[in-house]
Amino acid sequence: MEQHFTESGYTHAEVISNIRVKYGDKAKILFYKSVRLGGFMGLFSKDGVEYTGYITDNPGIKRKEADEKNKKEILNLAQSQKGSTLDEVLKEVKELKEKMNIHPREEAPLHPSLSQMKSLLKDNDFSDTYIDDMITRLRREFSLEDLDQYSLLEEAVMTWVGESLREHQDPLVPSPRVFVLVGPTGVGKTTTIAKLAAINGVTSGDASLSVCMITIDNYRIGARTQIETYGDIMGIPVFTAESYEDLKEKIEINRDQDLIFVDTIGKSPRDFMKLAEMRSIVEACGDNAEIHLAISSTTKDKDIHEILDQFEPFHYKSVILTKLDETTQVGNLISILSQRKKALSYITDGQGVPQDISRNTRAKLLNYLTGFSCDTEQILSKLDKKYNRMWS
């Protein structure tokens, strides 16, 4: 036998507290709604909330356990009625199902602050799975009183988003360090290679390294000319290779360099034969070579997943997001990188060489989020201190 109740008050926290005091653990909430409270003859009333629920005579049995009990009764009935007709068994099963549905399980009401946060994440184009995980974590870690303070939710979510982003750390390898960039056609690999060569070999002052560039993209019209032009402007040597043996020879003759950048041929992720051919050429770079995957920020979500999958045989160490300036929302990118556990090494956001490239990928993406009023720089500072301690 279940006894129903209705409690009202001016805040969610007030009503929940009253219910706990009056009914204890026996109280189960069904739903709540906004109401007007107080006043005189319809005047001077204030916004409030009204909760409706029920009190069970047997609080020790949870609804889920009761459902499981009823399911077992159905199975036992089906097994015990072997001598009955099929119609009789089905009739009994139907009655039990109707019994189970007298009080259908209702989803717990979403707090207004959680609804607001859910909308904010959706506006930033985060995936449904990513949003559900965030809302679940907020429900688990925040009390009802804290949920009334929306600013706390914003700060927590921004921090968790930052934590979900992995930043690639350069490995300690003997010179020369070989940096190989792979990816689909049209994502800006050649321009990205030029930017990386510039920031490492030209604009770092006394810390500048000896750098060279090697391209195996000899088929695309203008590709070789483009990278040679960059090399001439920056005073960085450029070499071309057309085969495994050719690339291995170019790597060998540049052993005295600190850093060798290798620009590859753009391939469709569905061109399996060409991908396999390119992979066999790239193997000439040696076991210590770092392979990074370039993906345009404007790529559709489904295509990003396919690109990540089809380039897996290259054993890439990180992802470089290009053309960030050509998109307005980054939640989908963060969602995919988090889901696939992929680290970011660089982000590019323009054609300028070398200025339009950033190593601080976490800050770049968090600052792209819209609608948050929390102090992003303060959150980034805390995250930087956290990860610097981990890496030191």
Protein backbone atom coordinates (compact mmCIF):
# COMPACT_ATOMS: atom_id res chain seq x y z
CA MET A 1 0.00 0.00 0.00
CA GLU A 2 1.51 3.32 -1.05
CA GLN A 3 0.63 6.67 0.52
CA HIS A 4 1.12 9.73 -1.70
CA PHE A 5 2.26 13.17 -0.52
CA THR A 6 2.67 16.70 -1.86
CA GLU A 7 5.15 19.20 -0.42
CA SER A 8 5.85 22.75 -1.60
CA GLY A 9 8.37 25.48 -0.86
CA TYR A 10 10.33 28.35 -2.39
CA THR A 11 13.45 26.35 -3.38
CA HIS A 12 14.26 22.78 -4.37
CA ALA A 13 16.59 22.43 -1.38
CA GLU A 14 13.89 23.55 1.06
CA VAL A 15 11.32 21.06 -0.24
CA ILE A 16 13.76 18.14 -0.35
CA SER A 17 14.84 18.91 3.23
CA ASN A 18 11.22 18.96 4.43
CA ILE A 19 10.48 15.64 2.72
CA ARG A 20 13.50 14.00 4.32
CA VAL A 21 12.55 15.30 7.78
CA LYS A 22 8.89 14.24 7.51
CA TYR A 23 9.13 10.91 5.71
CA GLY A 24 12.76 9.78 5.86
CA ASP A 25 14.03 7.09 3.50
CA LYS A 26 10.51 5.81 2.83
CA ALA A 27 9.80 8.81 0.57
CA LYS A 28 10.11 8.32 -3.18
CA ILE A 29 9.77 11.37 -5.49
CA LEU A 30 7.67 11.02 -8.63
CA PHE A 31 7.85 14.53 -10.14
CA TYR A 32 7.94 18.26 -9.36
CA LYS A 33 6.47 21.40 -10.93
CA SER A 34 6.73 25.18 -10.61
CA VAL A 35 3.96 26.88 -8.61
CA ARG A 36 3.08 30.28 -7.12
CA LEU A 37 3.10 30.46 -3.31
CA GLY A 38 1.84 32.91 -0.72
CA GLY A 39 0.26 36.27 -1.47
CA PHE A 40 -3.28 37.52 -0.94
CA MET A 41 -6.12 37.02 -3.41
CA GLY A 42 -3.66 36.25 -6.18
CA LEU A 43 -1.41 39.22 -5.40
CA PHE A 44 2.18 39.31 -4.09
CA SER A 45 2.73 35.56 -4.61
CA LYS A 46 6.24 34.20 -5.27
CA ASP A 47 7.73 31.46 -7.44
CA GLY A 48 8.07 28.09 -5.76
CA VAL A 49 8.21 24.37 -6.45
CA GLU A 50 5.86 21.51 -5.56
CA TYR A 51 7.07 17.91 -5.22
CA THR A 52 4.78 14.88 -5.44
CA GLY A 53 5.81 11.43 -4.28
CA TYR A 54 4.78 8.34 -2.38
CA ILE A 55 5.68 6.41 0.77
CA THR A 56 6.05 2.67 0.51
CA ASP A 57 5.16 0.31 3.36
CA ASN A 58 8.23 -1.75 2.55
CA PRO A 59 11.13 0.75 2.12
CA GLY A 60 13.70 -2.00 2.24
CA ILE A 61 12.77 -3.25 -1.25
CA LYS A 62 13.82 -0.89 -3.99
CA ARG A 63 11.81 -0.45 -7.15
CA LYS A 64 14.49 -2.14 -9.26
CA GLU A 65 14.52 -5.14 -6.92
CA ALA A 66 10.73 -5.33 -7.10
CA ASP A 67 10.87 -5.33 -10.88
CA GLU A 68 13.43 -8.13 -10.85
CA LYS A 69 11.19 -10.11 -8.48
CA ASN A 70 8.25 -9.74 -10.86
CA LYS A 71 10.37 -10.81 -13.83
CA LYS A 72 11.36 -13.98 -11.96
CA GLU A 73 7.68 -14.67 -11.26
CA ILE A 74 7.01 -14.50 -15.01
CA LEU A 75 9.79 -16.99 -15.75
CA ASN A 76 8.73 -19.34 -12.96
CA LEU A 77 5.15 -19.20 -14.14
CA ALA A 78 6.13 -20.05 -17.71
CA GLN A 79 8.12 -23.07 -16.50
CA SER A 80 5.45 -24.33 -14.10
CA GLN A 81 2.63 -24.12 -16.63
CA LYS A 82 3.92 -26.76 -19.02
CA GLY A 83 0.64 -28.65 -18.75
CA SER A 84 -1.50 -25.57 -19.39
CA THR A 85 -2.47 -24.27 -22.72
CA LEU A 86 -0.38 -21.53 -24.31
CA ASP A 87 -3.30 -19.10 -24.06
CA GLU A 88 -3.57 -19.61 -20.29
CA VAL A 89 0.15 -18.98 -19.80
CA LEU A 90 0.07 -15.83 -21.93
CA LYS A 91 -2.94 -14.58 -19.94
CA GLU A 92 -1.09 -15.01 -16.65
CA VAL A 93 2.03 -13.32 -18.04
CA LYS A 94 -0.06 -10.39 -19.26
CA GLU A 95 -1.60 -9.96 -15.80
CA LEU A 96 1.83 -9.93 -14.18
CA LYS A 97 3.10 -7.36 -16.67
CA GLU A 98 0.11 -5.15 -15.95
CA LYS A 99 0.90 -5.48 -12.27
CA MET A 100 4.45 -4.34 -12.92
CA ASN A 101 3.24 -1.32 -14.87
CA ILE A 102 0.85 0.00 -12.20
CA HIS A 103 3.63 2.29 -11.02
CA PRO A 104 5.93 2.72 -14.07
CA ARG A 105 9.46 3.80 -13.29
CA GLU A 106 9.79 7.52 -13.95
CA GLU A 107 13.06 9.24 -14.74
CA ALA A 108 14.37 11.40 -11.90
CA PRO A 109 13.58 15.08 -12.50
CA LEU A 110 16.47 17.15 -13.88
CA HIS A 111 17.43 20.07 -11.69
CA PRO A 112 17.01 23.45 -13.49
CA SER A 113 20.77 24.12 -13.26
CA LEU A 114 21.48 20.74 -14.87
CA SER A 115 18.99 21.50 -17.65
CA GLN A 116 20.72 24.82 -18.26
CA MET A 117 24.15 23.16 -18.37
CA LYS A 118 22.87 20.47 -20.73
CA SER A 119 21.64 23.15 -23.13
CA LEU A 120 24.97 25.00 -22.92
CA LEU A 121 26.96 21.88 -23.79
CA LYS A 122 24.58 21.08 -26.65
CA ASP A 123 24.99 24.64 -27.99
CA ASN A 124 28.75 24.00 -28.10
CA ASP A 125 28.12 20.83 -30.17
CA PHE A 126 29.30 18.26 -27.62
CA SER A 127 28.13 14.73 -28.31
CA ASP A 128 25.11 13.30 -26.46
CA THR A 129 27.33 10.72 -24.75
CA TYR A 130 29.78 13.39 -23.56
CA ILE A 131 26.91 15.54 -22.25
CA ASP A 132 25.28 12.61 -20.43
CA ASP A 133 28.60 11.79 -18.76
CA MET A 134 28.97 15.39 -17.57
CA ILE A 135 25.40 15.57 -16.21
CA THR A 136 25.82 12.22 -14.45
CA ARG A 137 29.03 13.42 -12.82
CA LEU A 138 27.41 16.68 -11.69
CA ARG A 139 24.55 14.72 -10.12
CA ARG A 140 27.01 12.45 -8.36
CA GLU A 141 29.39 15.12 -7.03
CA PHE A 142 27.10 18.08 -6.31
CA SER A 143 24.58 18.35 -3.47
CA LEU A 144 21.14 19.85 -4.11
CA GLU A 145 22.26 23.03 -2.38
CA ASP A 146 25.34 23.33 -4.60
CA LEU A 147 23.28 22.72 -7.74
CA ASP A 148 21.47 25.97 -6.99
CA GLN A 149 24.81 27.78 -7.56
CA TYR A 150 25.12 27.60 -11.34
CA SER A 151 28.52 29.30 -11.38
CA LEU A 152 29.99 26.31 -9.51
CA LEU A 153 28.67 23.98 -12.20
CA GLU A 154 30.22 26.08 -14.97
CA GLU A 155 33.63 26.07 -13.27
CA ALA A 156 33.48 22.31 -12.64
CA VAL A 157 32.41 21.44 -16.19
CA MET A 158 35.04 23.71 -17.77
CA THR A 159 37.68 22.02 -15.58
CA TRP A 160 36.47 18.53 -16.49
CA VAL A 161 36.45 19.40 -20.19
CA GLY A 162 40.05 20.58 -19.85
CA GLU A 163 40.99 17.37 -18.04
CA SER A 164 39.44 15.29 -20.82
CA LEU A 165 41.88 16.79 -23.34
CA ARG A 166 45.24 15.04 -23.65
CA GLU A 167 48.30 17.03 -24.68
CA HIS A 168 51.12 15.20 -26.44
CA GLN A 169 54.54 15.30 -24.80
CA ASP A 170 57.62 15.18 -27.00
CA PRO A 171 59.59 11.97 -26.46
CA LEU A 172 63.26 11.87 -25.56
CA VAL A 173 64.91 10.31 -28.59
CA PRO A 174 68.43 10.53 -30.00
CA SER A 175 69.08 13.04 -32.80
CA PRO A 176 67.86 13.43 -35.37
CA ARG A 177 64.26 13.55 -34.27
CA VAL A 178 62.09 12.55 -37.25
CA PHE A 179 58.61 14.10 -37.35
CA VAL A 180 56.24 12.59 -39.95
CA LEU A 181 52.90 14.16 -40.78
CA VAL A 182 50.17 12.00 -42.39
CA GLY A 183 46.53 12.67 -43.16
CA PRO A 184 43.84 13.00 -45.84
CA THR A 185 44.11 15.26 -48.86
CA GLY A 186 43.40 18.95 -48.29
CA VAL A 187 43.89 19.22 -44.53
CA GLY A 188 46.92 21.53 -44.82
CA LYS A 189 49.81 19.15 -44.14
CA THR A 190 52.41 21.05 -46.20
CA THR A 191 51.58 24.41 -44.61
CA THR A 192 51.65 22.79 -41.17
CA ILE A 193 55.08 21.25 -41.86
CA ALA A 194 56.35 24.69 -42.89
CA LYS A 195 54.99 26.23 -39.67
CA LEU A 196 56.65 23.54 -37.54
CA ALA A 197 59.95 23.99 -39.36
CA ALA A 198 59.77 27.74 -38.83
CA ILE A 199 59.01 27.70 -35.10
CA ASN A 200 61.75 25.14 -34.46
CA GLY A 201 64.43 26.32 -36.86
CA VAL A 202 63.91 30.06 -37.34
CA THR A 203 61.85 31.88 -34.70
CA SER A 204 63.21 30.27 -31.52
CA GLY A 205 66.28 32.53 -31.27
CA ASP A 206 69.21 30.93 -29.49
CA ALA A 207 67.09 27.82 -28.94
CA SER A 208 66.61 27.29 -32.68
CA LEU A 209 67.47 23.84 -33.98
CA SER A 210 69.05 22.67 -37.21
CA VAL A 211 66.07 21.62 -39.32
CA CYS A 212 65.34 20.21 -42.75
CA MET A 213 62.18 19.19 -44.64
CA ILE A 214 61.62 16.14 -46.81
CA THR A 215 58.57 15.73 -49.02
CA ILE A 216 57.31 12.53 -50.62
CA ASP A 217 54.35 14.39 -52.12
CA ASN A 218 55.64 14.56 -55.70
CA TYR A 219 52.31 13.82 -57.39
CA ARG A 220 50.08 16.72 -56.39
CA ILE A 221 50.44 19.68 -58.73
CA GLY A 222 52.43 22.45 -57.05
CA ALA A 223 53.11 20.52 -53.82
CA ARG A 224 56.89 20.34 -54.33
CA THR A 225 57.04 23.97 -55.43
CA GLN A 226 55.06 25.07 -52.40
CA ILE A 227 57.34 23.45 -49.82
CA GLU A 228 60.48 24.53 -51.70
CA THR A 229 59.21 28.11 -51.65
CA TYR A 230 58.74 27.93 -47.89
CA GLY A 231 62.23 26.47 -47.55
CA ASP A 232 63.83 29.24 -49.62
CA ILE A 233 62.10 31.96 -47.61
CA MET A 234 63.13 30.44 -44.25
CA GLY A 235 66.58 29.28 -45.31
CA ILE A 236 65.69 25.67 -44.48
CA PRO A 237 66.88 22.89 -46.82
CA VAL A 238 64.21 20.86 -48.63
CA PHE A 239 64.63 17.36 -50.10
CA THR A 240 62.33 15.13 -52.14
CA ALA A 241 61.93 11.34 -52.00
CA GLU A 242 59.91 9.03 -54.22
CA SER A 243 60.47 5.57 -52.70
CA TYR A 244 61.40 3.70 -49.55
CA GLU A 245 65.08 3.57 -50.56
CA ASP A 246 65.09 7.23 -51.57
CA LEU A 247 63.54 8.37 -48.28
CA LYS A 248 65.90 6.20 -46.24
CA GLU A 249 68.87 7.74 -48.08
CA LYS A 250 67.61 11.30 -47.43
CA ILE A 251 67.17 10.51 -43.72
CA GLU A 252 70.70 9.10 -43.60
CA ILE A 253 72.42 12.07 -45.25
CA ASN A 254 70.68 14.44 -42.80
CA ARG A 255 71.79 12.60 -39.67
CA ASP A 256 73.55 15.76 -38.50
CA GLN A 257 70.24 17.67 -38.26
CA ASP A 258 68.41 18.08 -34.95
CA LEU A 259 64.97 17.73 -36.49
CA ILE A 260 63.73 16.27 -39.78
CA PHE A 261 60.17 17.00 -40.93
CA VAL A 262 58.58 14.63 -43.45
CA ASP A 263 55.60 15.79 -45.51
CA THR A 264 53.57 12.90 -46.96
CA ILE A 265 51.08 12.39 -49.78
CA GLY A 266 47.46 13.18 -48.96
CA LYS A 267 45.35 10.05 -49.24
CA SER A 268 41.67 9.25 -48.93
CA PRO A 269 41.08 7.11 -45.82
CA ARG A 270 39.14 4.70 -48.09
CA ASP A 271 42.03 4.23 -50.53
CA PHE A 272 43.42 1.23 -48.66
CA MET A 273 45.97 0.24 -51.29
CA LYS A 274 47.49 3.72 -51.47
CA LEU A 275 47.54 3.99 -47.68
CA ALA A 276 49.38 0.69 -47.43
CA GLU A 277 51.85 1.84 -50.10
CA MET A 278 52.54 5.10 -48.26
CA ARG A 279 52.95 3.28 -44.98
CA SER A 280 55.65 1.07 -46.49
CA ILE A 281 57.52 4.20 -47.65
CA VAL A 282 57.18 5.93 -44.27
CA GLU A 283 58.76 2.92 -42.56
CA ALA A 284 62.06 4.15 -44.02
CA CYS A 285 62.03 6.87 -41.33
CA GLY A 286 62.98 4.29 -38.70
CA ASP A 287 61.52 2.96 -35.46
CA ASN A 288 62.09 6.22 -33.56
CA ALA A 289 60.12 8.33 -36.02
CA GLU A 290 57.11 10.19 -34.59
CA ILE A 291 54.02 9.98 -36.78
CA HIS A 292 51.30 12.58 -36.29
CA LEU A 293 47.86 12.65 -37.93
CA ALA A 294 46.50 15.93 -39.36
CA ILE A 295 42.72 16.36 -39.37
CA SER A 296 40.77 19.42 -40.46
CA SER A 297 38.53 20.91 -37.76
CA THR A 298 35.76 21.25 -40.34
CA THR A 299 35.54 17.49 -40.99
CA LYS A 300 32.20 15.80 -40.22
CA ASP A 301 32.12 13.70 -37.04
CA LYS A 302 31.54 10.40 -38.86
CA ASP A 303 34.43 11.13 -41.22
CA ILE A 304 36.75 11.98 -38.31
CA HIS A 305 36.07 8.56 -36.79
CA GLU A 306 36.79 6.91 -40.14
CA ILE A 307 40.06 8.84 -40.57
CA LEU A 308 41.20 7.91 -37.06
CA ASP A 309 40.46 4.25 -37.80
CA GLN A 310 42.01 4.02 -41.27
CA PHE A 311 45.28 5.69 -40.24
CA GLU A 312 45.71 3.48 -37.16
CA PRO A 313 48.20 1.21 -39.01
CA PHE A 314 50.61 4.17 -39.05
CA HIS A 315 50.68 4.08 -35.21
CA TYR A 316 50.40 7.86 -35.00
CA LYS A 317 51.33 9.39 -31.66
CA SER A 318 49.01 12.37 -31.71
CA VAL A 319 46.50 14.42 -33.69
CA ILE A 320 47.10 17.88 -35.16
CA LEU A 321 43.89 19.85 -35.66
CA THR A 322 44.09 22.20 -38.65
CA LYS A 323 41.85 25.02 -39.88
CA LEU A 324 40.33 25.76 -36.47
CA ASP A 325 39.56 29.27 -37.74
CA GLU A 326 37.09 27.76 -40.21
CA THR A 327 34.73 26.33 -37.58
CA THR A 328 32.62 27.98 -34.87
CA GLN A 329 32.05 25.10 -32.43
CA VAL A 330 34.61 22.66 -31.01
CA GLY A 331 32.54 20.48 -28.67
CA ASN A 332 32.32 17.72 -31.26
CA LEU A 333 36.12 17.70 -31.66
CA ILE A 334 36.65 17.52 -27.89
CA SER A 335 34.05 14.76 -27.60
CA ILE A 336 35.70 12.60 -30.25
CA LEU A 337 39.25 13.11 -28.99
CA SER A 338 38.12 12.28 -25.46
CA GLN A 339 36.14 9.22 -26.56
CA ARG A 340 38.99 7.90 -28.69
CA LYS A 341 41.66 8.83 -26.11
CA LYS A 342 43.75 10.71 -28.66
CA ALA A 343 46.37 13.27 -27.64
CA LEU A 344 46.75 16.65 -29.34
CA SER A 345 50.15 18.06 -30.27
CA TYR A 346 49.31 21.23 -32.25
CA ILE A 347 46.40 23.32 -33.50
CA THR A 348 46.54 25.57 -36.55
CA ASP A 349 44.09 28.41 -37.14
CA GLY A 350 45.17 30.25 -40.30
CA GLN A 351 47.51 30.30 -43.27
CA GLY A 352 50.18 32.50 -41.68
CA VAL A 353 53.64 30.93 -41.38
CA PRO A 354 54.73 30.54 -38.63
CA GLN A 355 52.33 32.50 -36.43
CA ASP A 356 49.09 30.54 -36.94
CA ILE A 357 50.03 27.44 -34.97
CA SER A 358 49.72 26.74 -31.24
CA ARG A 359 51.22 24.13 -28.95
CA ASN A 360 48.91 25.08 -26.09
CA THR A 361 46.03 22.98 -27.42
CA ARG A 362 44.02 22.81 -24.19
CA ALA A 363 43.86 26.58 -23.83
CA LYS A 364 43.02 27.02 -27.50
CA LEU A 365 39.99 24.73 -27.35
CA LEU A 366 38.67 25.90 -23.98
CA ASN A 367 38.79 29.51 -25.15
CA TYR A 368 36.73 28.49 -28.19
CA LEU A 369 33.82 27.38 -25.98
CA THR A 370 30.95 29.86 -25.92
CA GLY A 371 28.39 30.78 -23.26
CA PHE A 372 30.58 30.09 -20.21
CA SER A 373 30.98 33.00 -17.78
CA CYS A 374 33.62 31.38 -15.53
CA ASP A 375 37.27 32.53 -15.47
CA THR A 376 38.83 30.32 -18.15
CA GLU A 377 42.35 31.65 -17.56
CA GLN A 378 42.19 30.79 -13.85
CA ILE A 379 41.00 27.26 -14.68
CA LEU A 380 43.79 26.85 -17.25
CA SER A 381 46.34 28.01 -14.69
CA LYS A 382 45.18 25.34 -12.22
CA LEU A 383 45.26 22.67 -14.94
CA ASP A 384 48.76 23.71 -16.05
CA LYS A 385 50.04 23.45 -12.47
CA LYS A 386 48.42 20.03 -12.09
CA TYR A 387 49.92 18.57 -15.25
CA ASN A 388 53.30 20.24 -14.79
CA ARG A 389 53.60 18.45 -11.44
CA MET A 390 52.68 15.16 -13.11
CA TRP A 391 55.28 15.59 -15.88
CA SER A 392 58.09 16.98 -13.70
